């Protein structure tokens, strides 16, 4: 179901079973403000979610995200650019990115990932800058604020599943919990 993906240019791109090839954004600017709430999954300033396989890739070159992104969901994956790209070169995120999680239907944890560039993949970053503030908030089902459970990153998620590489990058934004 791709109805839970939102992006300034596209909600969903790629396919786990086909060889689409290389998708590129070159010299592109996103100025769109995205405000999304409800049962949503992946949200990005350019592409909501890119489903990568061994035969396709998503590349950003000389691109800028100026759009502010705010998501209120049970498990948001939200990023200034996308969730799932393979490489970024000479890109800037200047938009503030906020992910707000809330408990839903008796769930005991609300969590997701909030990132300036990419929220779910081992991407390479070369000569990129994050200027946007990246923030996360968590709430109970009654919208009482609780300690945040979202992961917050200036560029990309870094954990046991993701190992991004960085070369000549600057993170000048704030991480706000």
C-alpha atoms as a PDB file:
ATOM      1  CA  UNK A   1       0.000   0.000   0.000  1.00  0.00           C
ATOM      2  CA  UNK A   2       1.717   3.166  -1.227  1.00  0.00           C
ATOM      3  CA  UNK A   3      -0.938   5.558   0.084  1.00  0.00           C
ATOM      4  CA  UNK A   4       1.088   6.119   3.261  1.00  0.00           C
ATOM      5  CA  UNK A   5       4.038   7.751   1.462  1.00  0.00           C
ATOM      6  CA  UNK A   6       4.252  11.486   0.820  1.00  0.00           C
ATOM      7  CA  UNK A   7       6.898  13.604  -0.926  1.00  0.00           C
ATOM      8  CA  UNK A   8       7.292  17.007  -2.551  1.00  0.00           C
ATOM      9  CA  UNK A   9       7.951  15.383  -5.952  1.00  0.00           C
ATOM     10  CA  UNK A  10       6.771  11.779  -5.452  1.00  0.00           C
ATOM     11  CA  UNK A  11       5.366   9.671  -2.663  1.00  0.00           C
ATOM     12  CA  UNK A  12       6.970   6.403  -3.786  1.00  0.00           C
ATOM     13  CA  UNK A  13       9.689   5.402  -6.258  1.00  0.00           C
ATOM     14  CA  UNK A  14      11.546   2.199  -7.008  1.00  0.00           C
ATOM     15  CA  UNK A  15      10.410  -1.396  -6.837  1.00  0.00           C
ATOM     16  CA  UNK A  16      11.749  -4.389  -4.959  1.00  0.00           C
ATOM     17  CA  UNK A  17      11.235  -6.766  -7.879  1.00  0.00           C
ATOM     18  CA  UNK A  18      12.298  -4.852 -10.996  1.00  0.00           C
ATOM     19  CA  UNK A  19      15.337  -3.178 -12.496  1.00  0.00           C
ATOM     20  CA  UNK A  20      14.245   0.438 -12.863  1.00  0.00           C
ATOM     21  CA  UNK A  21      17.822   1.641 -13.113  1.00  0.00           C
ATOM     22  CA  UNK A  22      19.110   4.932 -11.824  1.00  0.00           C
ATOM     23  CA  UNK A  23      16.783   7.737 -10.763  1.00  0.00           C
ATOM     24  CA  UNK A  24      18.486  11.140 -10.458  1.00  0.00           C
ATOM     25  CA  UNK A  25      17.527  14.527  -9.106  1.00  0.00           C
ATOM     26  CA  UNK A  26      19.993  17.113 -10.487  1.00  0.00           C
ATOM     27  CA  UNK A  27      19.846  20.857  -9.678  1.00  0.00           C
ATOM     28  CA  UNK A  28      16.418  20.534  -8.046  1.00  0.00           C
ATOM     29  CA  UNK A  29      14.873  22.604  -5.265  1.00  0.00           C
ATOM     30  CA  UNK A  30      12.005  21.664  -2.964  1.00  0.00           C
ATOM     31  CA  UNK A  31      10.224  24.652  -1.402  1.00  0.00           C
ATOM     32  CA  UNK A  32       7.031  22.774  -0.516  1.00  0.00           C
ATOM     33  CA  UNK A  33       5.928  22.724   3.114  1.00  0.00           C
ATOM     34  CA  UNK A  34       4.648  19.268   4.044  1.00  0.00           C
ATOM     35  CA  UNK A  35       2.355  18.841   7.030  1.00  0.00           C
ATOM     36  CA  UNK A  36       1.053  15.290   7.366  1.00  0.00           C
ATOM     37  CA  UNK A  37      -0.799  13.520  10.158  1.00  0.00           C
ATOM     38  CA  UNK A  38      -2.528  10.205  10.689  1.00  0.00           C
ATOM     39  CA  UNK A  39      -1.421   6.681   9.866  1.00  0.00           C
ATOM     40  CA  UNK A  40       1.464   7.625   7.567  1.00  0.00           C
ATOM     41  CA  UNK A  41       4.776   5.895   6.992  1.00  0.00           C
ATOM     42  CA  UNK A  42       7.533   7.625   5.015  1.00  0.00           C
ATOM     43  CA  UNK A  43       7.632  11.341   4.225  1.00  0.00           C
ATOM     44  CA  UNK A  44      10.372  13.277   2.414  1.00  0.00           C
ATOM     45  CA  UNK A  45      10.833  16.708   0.884  1.00  0.00           C
ATOM     46  CA  UNK A  46      11.592  15.110  -2.488  1.00  0.00           C
ATOM     47  CA  UNK A  47      10.469  11.454  -2.339  1.00  0.00           C
ATOM     48  CA  UNK A  48       8.528   9.834   0.487  1.00  0.00           C
ATOM     49  CA  UNK A  49      10.097   6.395   0.081  1.00  0.00           C
ATOM     50  CA  UNK A  50      12.530   4.839  -2.366  1.00  0.00           C
ATOM     51  CA  UNK A  51      12.493   1.054  -2.435  1.00  0.00           C
ATOM     52  CA  UNK A  52      16.039   0.059  -3.307  1.00  0.00           C
ATOM     53  CA  UNK A  53      17.160  -3.258  -4.699  1.00  0.00           C
ATOM     54  CA  UNK A  54      20.349  -4.511  -6.386  1.00  0.00           C
ATOM     55  CA  UNK A  55      19.298  -3.020  -9.748  1.00  0.00           C
ATOM     56  CA  UNK A  56      18.198   0.520  -8.985  1.00  0.00           C
ATOM     57  CA  UNK A  57      19.476   3.629  -7.231  1.00  0.00           C
ATOM     58  CA  UNK A  58      18.369   7.132  -6.285  1.00  0.00           C
ATOM     59  CA  UNK A  59      20.905   9.959  -6.515  1.00  0.00           C
ATOM     60  CA  UNK A  60      20.699  13.628  -5.557  1.00  0.00           C
ATOM     61  CA  UNK A  61      23.218  16.121  -7.032  1.00  0.00           C
ATOM     62  CA  UNK A  62      23.251  19.885  -6.384  1.00  0.00           C
ATOM     63  CA  UNK A  63      19.807  19.792  -4.755  1.00  0.00           C
ATOM     64  CA  UNK A  64      18.341  21.907  -1.974  1.00  0.00           C
ATOM     65  CA  UNK A  65      15.461  21.257   0.399  1.00  0.00           C
ATOM     66  CA  UNK A  66      13.990  24.521   1.695  1.00  0.00           C
ATOM     67  CA  UNK A  67      10.646  23.045   2.676  1.00  0.00           C
ATOM     68  CA  UNK A  68       9.635  22.599   6.294  1.00  0.00           C
ATOM     69  CA  UNK A  69       8.338  19.127   7.102  1.00  0.00           C
ATOM     70  CA  UNK A  70       6.073  18.265  10.029  1.00  0.00           C
ATOM     71  CA  UNK A  71       4.659  14.775  10.571  1.00  0.00           C
ATOM     72  CA  UNK A  72       2.397  13.475  13.360  1.00  0.00           C
ATOM     73  CA  UNK A  73       2.066   9.695  13.117  1.00  0.00           C
ATOM     74  CA  UNK A  74       2.378   6.455  15.068  1.00  0.00           C
ATOM     75  CA  UNK A  75       5.782   5.613  13.572  1.00  0.00           C
ATOM     76  CA  UNK A  76       7.048   8.395  11.299  1.00  0.00           C
ATOM     77  CA  UNK A  77      10.056   8.047   9.033  1.00  0.00           C
ATOM     78  CA  UNK A  78      10.575  11.622   7.932  1.00  0.00           C
ATOM     79  CA  UNK A  79      13.478  13.303   6.133  1.00  0.00           C
ATOM     80  CA  UNK A  80      14.332  16.520   4.321  1.00  0.00           C
ATOM     81  CA  UNK A  81      15.067  14.595   1.122  1.00  0.00           C
ATOM     82  CA  UNK A  82      13.802  10.981   1.227  1.00  0.00           C
ATOM     83  CA  UNK A  83      13.899   7.649   2.978  1.00  0.00           C
ATOM     84  CA  UNK A  84      16.000   5.325   0.885  1.00  0.00           C
ATOM     85  CA  UNK A  85      18.399   7.190  -1.461  1.00  0.00           C
ATOM     86  CA  UNK A  86      21.825   5.798  -2.318  1.00  0.00           C
ATOM     87  CA  UNK A  87      23.927   8.946  -2.743  1.00  0.00           C
ATOM     88  CA  UNK A  88      23.977  12.695  -2.172  1.00  0.00           C
ATOM     89  CA  UNK A  89      26.508  15.102  -3.693  1.00  0.00           C
ATOM     90  CA  UNK A  90      26.636  18.893  -3.120  1.00  0.00           C
ATOM     91  CA  UNK A  91      23.217  18.966  -1.445  1.00  0.00           C
ATOM     92  CA  UNK A  92      21.799  21.209   1.256  1.00  0.00           C
ATOM     93  CA  UNK A  93      18.939  20.659   3.669  1.00  0.00           C
ATOM     94  CA  UNK A  94      17.814  24.038   5.005  1.00  0.00           C
ATOM     95  CA  UNK A  95      14.302  22.988   5.992  1.00  0.00           C
ATOM     96  CA  UNK A  96      13.329  22.167   9.561  1.00  0.00           C
ATOM     97  CA  UNK A  97      12.172  18.560   9.946  1.00  0.00           C
ATOM     98  CA  UNK A  98       9.892  17.465  12.804  1.00  0.00           C
ATOM     99  CA  UNK A  99       8.563  14.015  13.552  1.00  0.00           C
ATOM    100  CA  UNK A 100       5.964  13.620  16.283  1.00  0.00           C
ATOM    101  CA  UNK A 101       5.026  10.090  17.387  1.00  0.00           C
ATOM    102  CA  UNK A 102       1.958   9.139  19.336  1.00  0.00           C
ATOM    103  CA  UNK A 103       0.774   5.900  20.900  1.00  0.00           C
ATOM    104  CA  UNK A 104      -2.117   4.302  19.059  1.00  0.00           C
ATOM    105  CA  UNK A 105      -4.476   1.394  19.776  1.00  0.00           C
ATOM    106  CA  UNK A 106      -2.720   0.298  22.950  1.00  0.00           C
ATOM    107  CA  UNK A 107       0.812   0.384  21.548  1.00  0.00           C
ATOM    108  CA  UNK A 108       3.386   0.797  24.293  1.00  0.00           C
ATOM    109  CA  UNK A 109       6.041   2.556  22.220  1.00  0.00           C
ATOM    110  CA  UNK A 110       5.787   5.281  19.607  1.00  0.00           C
ATOM    111  CA  UNK A 111       8.948   5.529  17.578  1.00  0.00           C
ATOM    112  CA  UNK A 112      10.355   6.393  14.191  1.00  0.00           C
ATOM    113  CA  UNK A 113      13.301   8.135  12.590  1.00  0.00           C
ATOM    114  CA  UNK A 114      13.711  11.843  11.846  1.00  0.00           C
ATOM    115  CA  UNK A 115      16.638  12.982   9.679  1.00  0.00           C
ATOM    116  CA  UNK A 116      17.785  16.028   7.752  1.00  0.00           C
ATOM    117  CA  UNK A 117      18.575  14.061   4.613  1.00  0.00           C
ATOM    118  CA  UNK A 118      17.696  10.346   4.714  1.00  0.00           C
ATOM    119  CA  UNK A 119      15.876   8.262   7.305  1.00  0.00           C
ATOM    120  CA  UNK A 120      16.502   4.638   6.375  1.00  0.00           C
ATOM    121  CA  UNK A 121      19.480   3.605   4.271  1.00  0.00           C
ATOM    122  CA  UNK A 122      23.262   3.336   4.021  1.00  0.00           C
ATOM    123  CA  UNK A 123      23.783   6.305   1.711  1.00  0.00           C
ATOM    124  CA  UNK A 124      26.960   8.162   0.782  1.00  0.00           C
ATOM    125  CA  UNK A 125      27.160  11.900   1.423  1.00  0.00           C
ATOM    126  CA  UNK A 126      29.779  14.089  -0.279  1.00  0.00           C
ATOM    127  CA  UNK A 127      30.057  17.870   0.222  1.00  0.00           C
ATOM    128  CA  UNK A 128      26.622  18.142   1.863  1.00  0.00           C
ATOM    129  CA  UNK A 129      25.334  20.562   4.499  1.00  0.00           C
ATOM    130  CA  UNK A 130      22.460  20.290   6.956  1.00  0.00           C
ATOM    131  CA  UNK A 131      21.246  23.681   8.215  1.00  0.00           C
ATOM    132  CA  UNK A 132      17.790  22.578   9.315  1.00  0.00           C
ATOM    133  CA  UNK A 133      16.718  21.900  12.869  1.00  0.00           C
ATOM    134  CA  UNK A 134      15.750  18.251  13.334  1.00  0.00           C
ATOM    135  CA  UNK A 135      13.302  17.539  16.135  1.00  0.00           C
ATOM    136  CA  UNK A 136      11.249  14.729  17.623  1.00  0.00           C
ATOM    137  CA  UNK A 137       8.347  14.685  20.045  1.00  0.00           C
ATOM    138  CA  UNK A 138       6.361  11.786  21.496  1.00  0.00           C
ATOM    139  CA  UNK A 139       2.842  11.785  22.909  1.00  0.00           C
ATOM    140  CA  UNK A 140       0.422   9.394  24.585  1.00  0.00           C
ATOM    141  CA  UNK A 141      -2.878   8.511  22.890  1.00  0.00           C
ATOM    142  CA  UNK A 142      -4.369  11.425  24.873  1.00  0.00           C
ATOM    143  CA  UNK A 143      -1.667  13.759  23.431  1.00  0.00           C
ATOM    144  CA  UNK A 144       0.217  14.148  26.700  1.00  0.00           C
ATOM    145  CA  UNK A 145       3.873  14.774  25.978  1.00  0.00           C
ATOM    146  CA  UNK A 146       6.252  11.964  27.011  1.00  0.00           C
ATOM    147  CA  UNK A 147      10.033  11.538  26.601  1.00  0.00           C
ATOM    148  CA  UNK A 148      10.791  11.219  22.870  1.00  0.00           C
ATOM    149  CA  UNK A 149      11.302   7.759  21.449  1.00  0.00           C
ATOM    150  CA  UNK A 150      12.130   8.787  17.868  1.00  0.00           C
ATOM    151  CA  UNK A 151      15.712   8.664  16.640  1.00  0.00           C
ATOM    152  CA  UNK A 152      17.008  12.055  15.449  1.00  0.00           C
ATOM    153  CA  UNK A 153      19.879  12.519  12.963  1.00  0.00           C
ATOM    154  CA  UNK A 154      21.245  15.541  11.137  1.00  0.00           C
ATOM    155  CA  UNK A 155      21.994  13.508   8.025  1.00  0.00           C
ATOM    156  CA  UNK A 156      21.004   9.849   8.156  1.00  0.00           C
ATOM    157  CA  UNK A 157      20.155   7.043  10.518  1.00  0.00           C
ATOM    158  CA  UNK A 158      23.197   5.237  11.859  1.00  0.00           C
ATOM    159  CA  UNK A 159      22.557   1.925  13.580  1.00  0.00           C
ATOM    160  CA  UNK A 160      23.058  -1.818  13.137  1.00  0.00           C
ATOM    161  CA  UNK A 161      21.196  -1.691   9.803  1.00  0.00           C
ATOM    162  CA  UNK A 162      22.639   1.486   8.267  1.00  0.00           C
ATOM    163  CA  UNK A 163      26.253   2.489   7.700  1.00  0.00           C
ATOM    164  CA  UNK A 164      26.328   5.731   5.716  1.00  0.00           C
ATOM    165  CA  UNK A 165      29.589   7.317   4.556  1.00  0.00           C
ATOM    166  CA  UNK A 166      30.390  11.022   4.843  1.00  0.00           C
ATOM    167  CA  UNK A 167      33.004  13.144   3.055  1.00  0.00           C
ATOM    168  CA  UNK A 168      33.349  16.928   3.559  1.00  0.00           C
ATOM    169  CA  UNK A 169      29.935  17.303   5.202  1.00  0.00           C
ATOM    170  CA  UNK A 170      28.716  19.853   7.750  1.00  0.00           C
ATOM    171  CA  UNK A 171      25.823  19.553  10.192  1.00  0.00           C
ATOM    172  CA  UNK A 172      25.005  23.054  11.477  1.00  0.00           C
ATOM    173  CA  UNK A 173      21.397  22.396  12.478  1.00  0.00           C
ATOM    174  CA  UNK A 174      20.135  21.621  15.952  1.00  0.00           C
ATOM    175  CA  UNK A 175      18.813  18.291  17.223  1.00  0.00           C
ATOM    176  CA  UNK A 176      15.799  19.087  19.378  1.00  0.00           C
ATOM    177  CA  UNK A 177      14.100  16.602  21.692  1.00  0.00           C
END
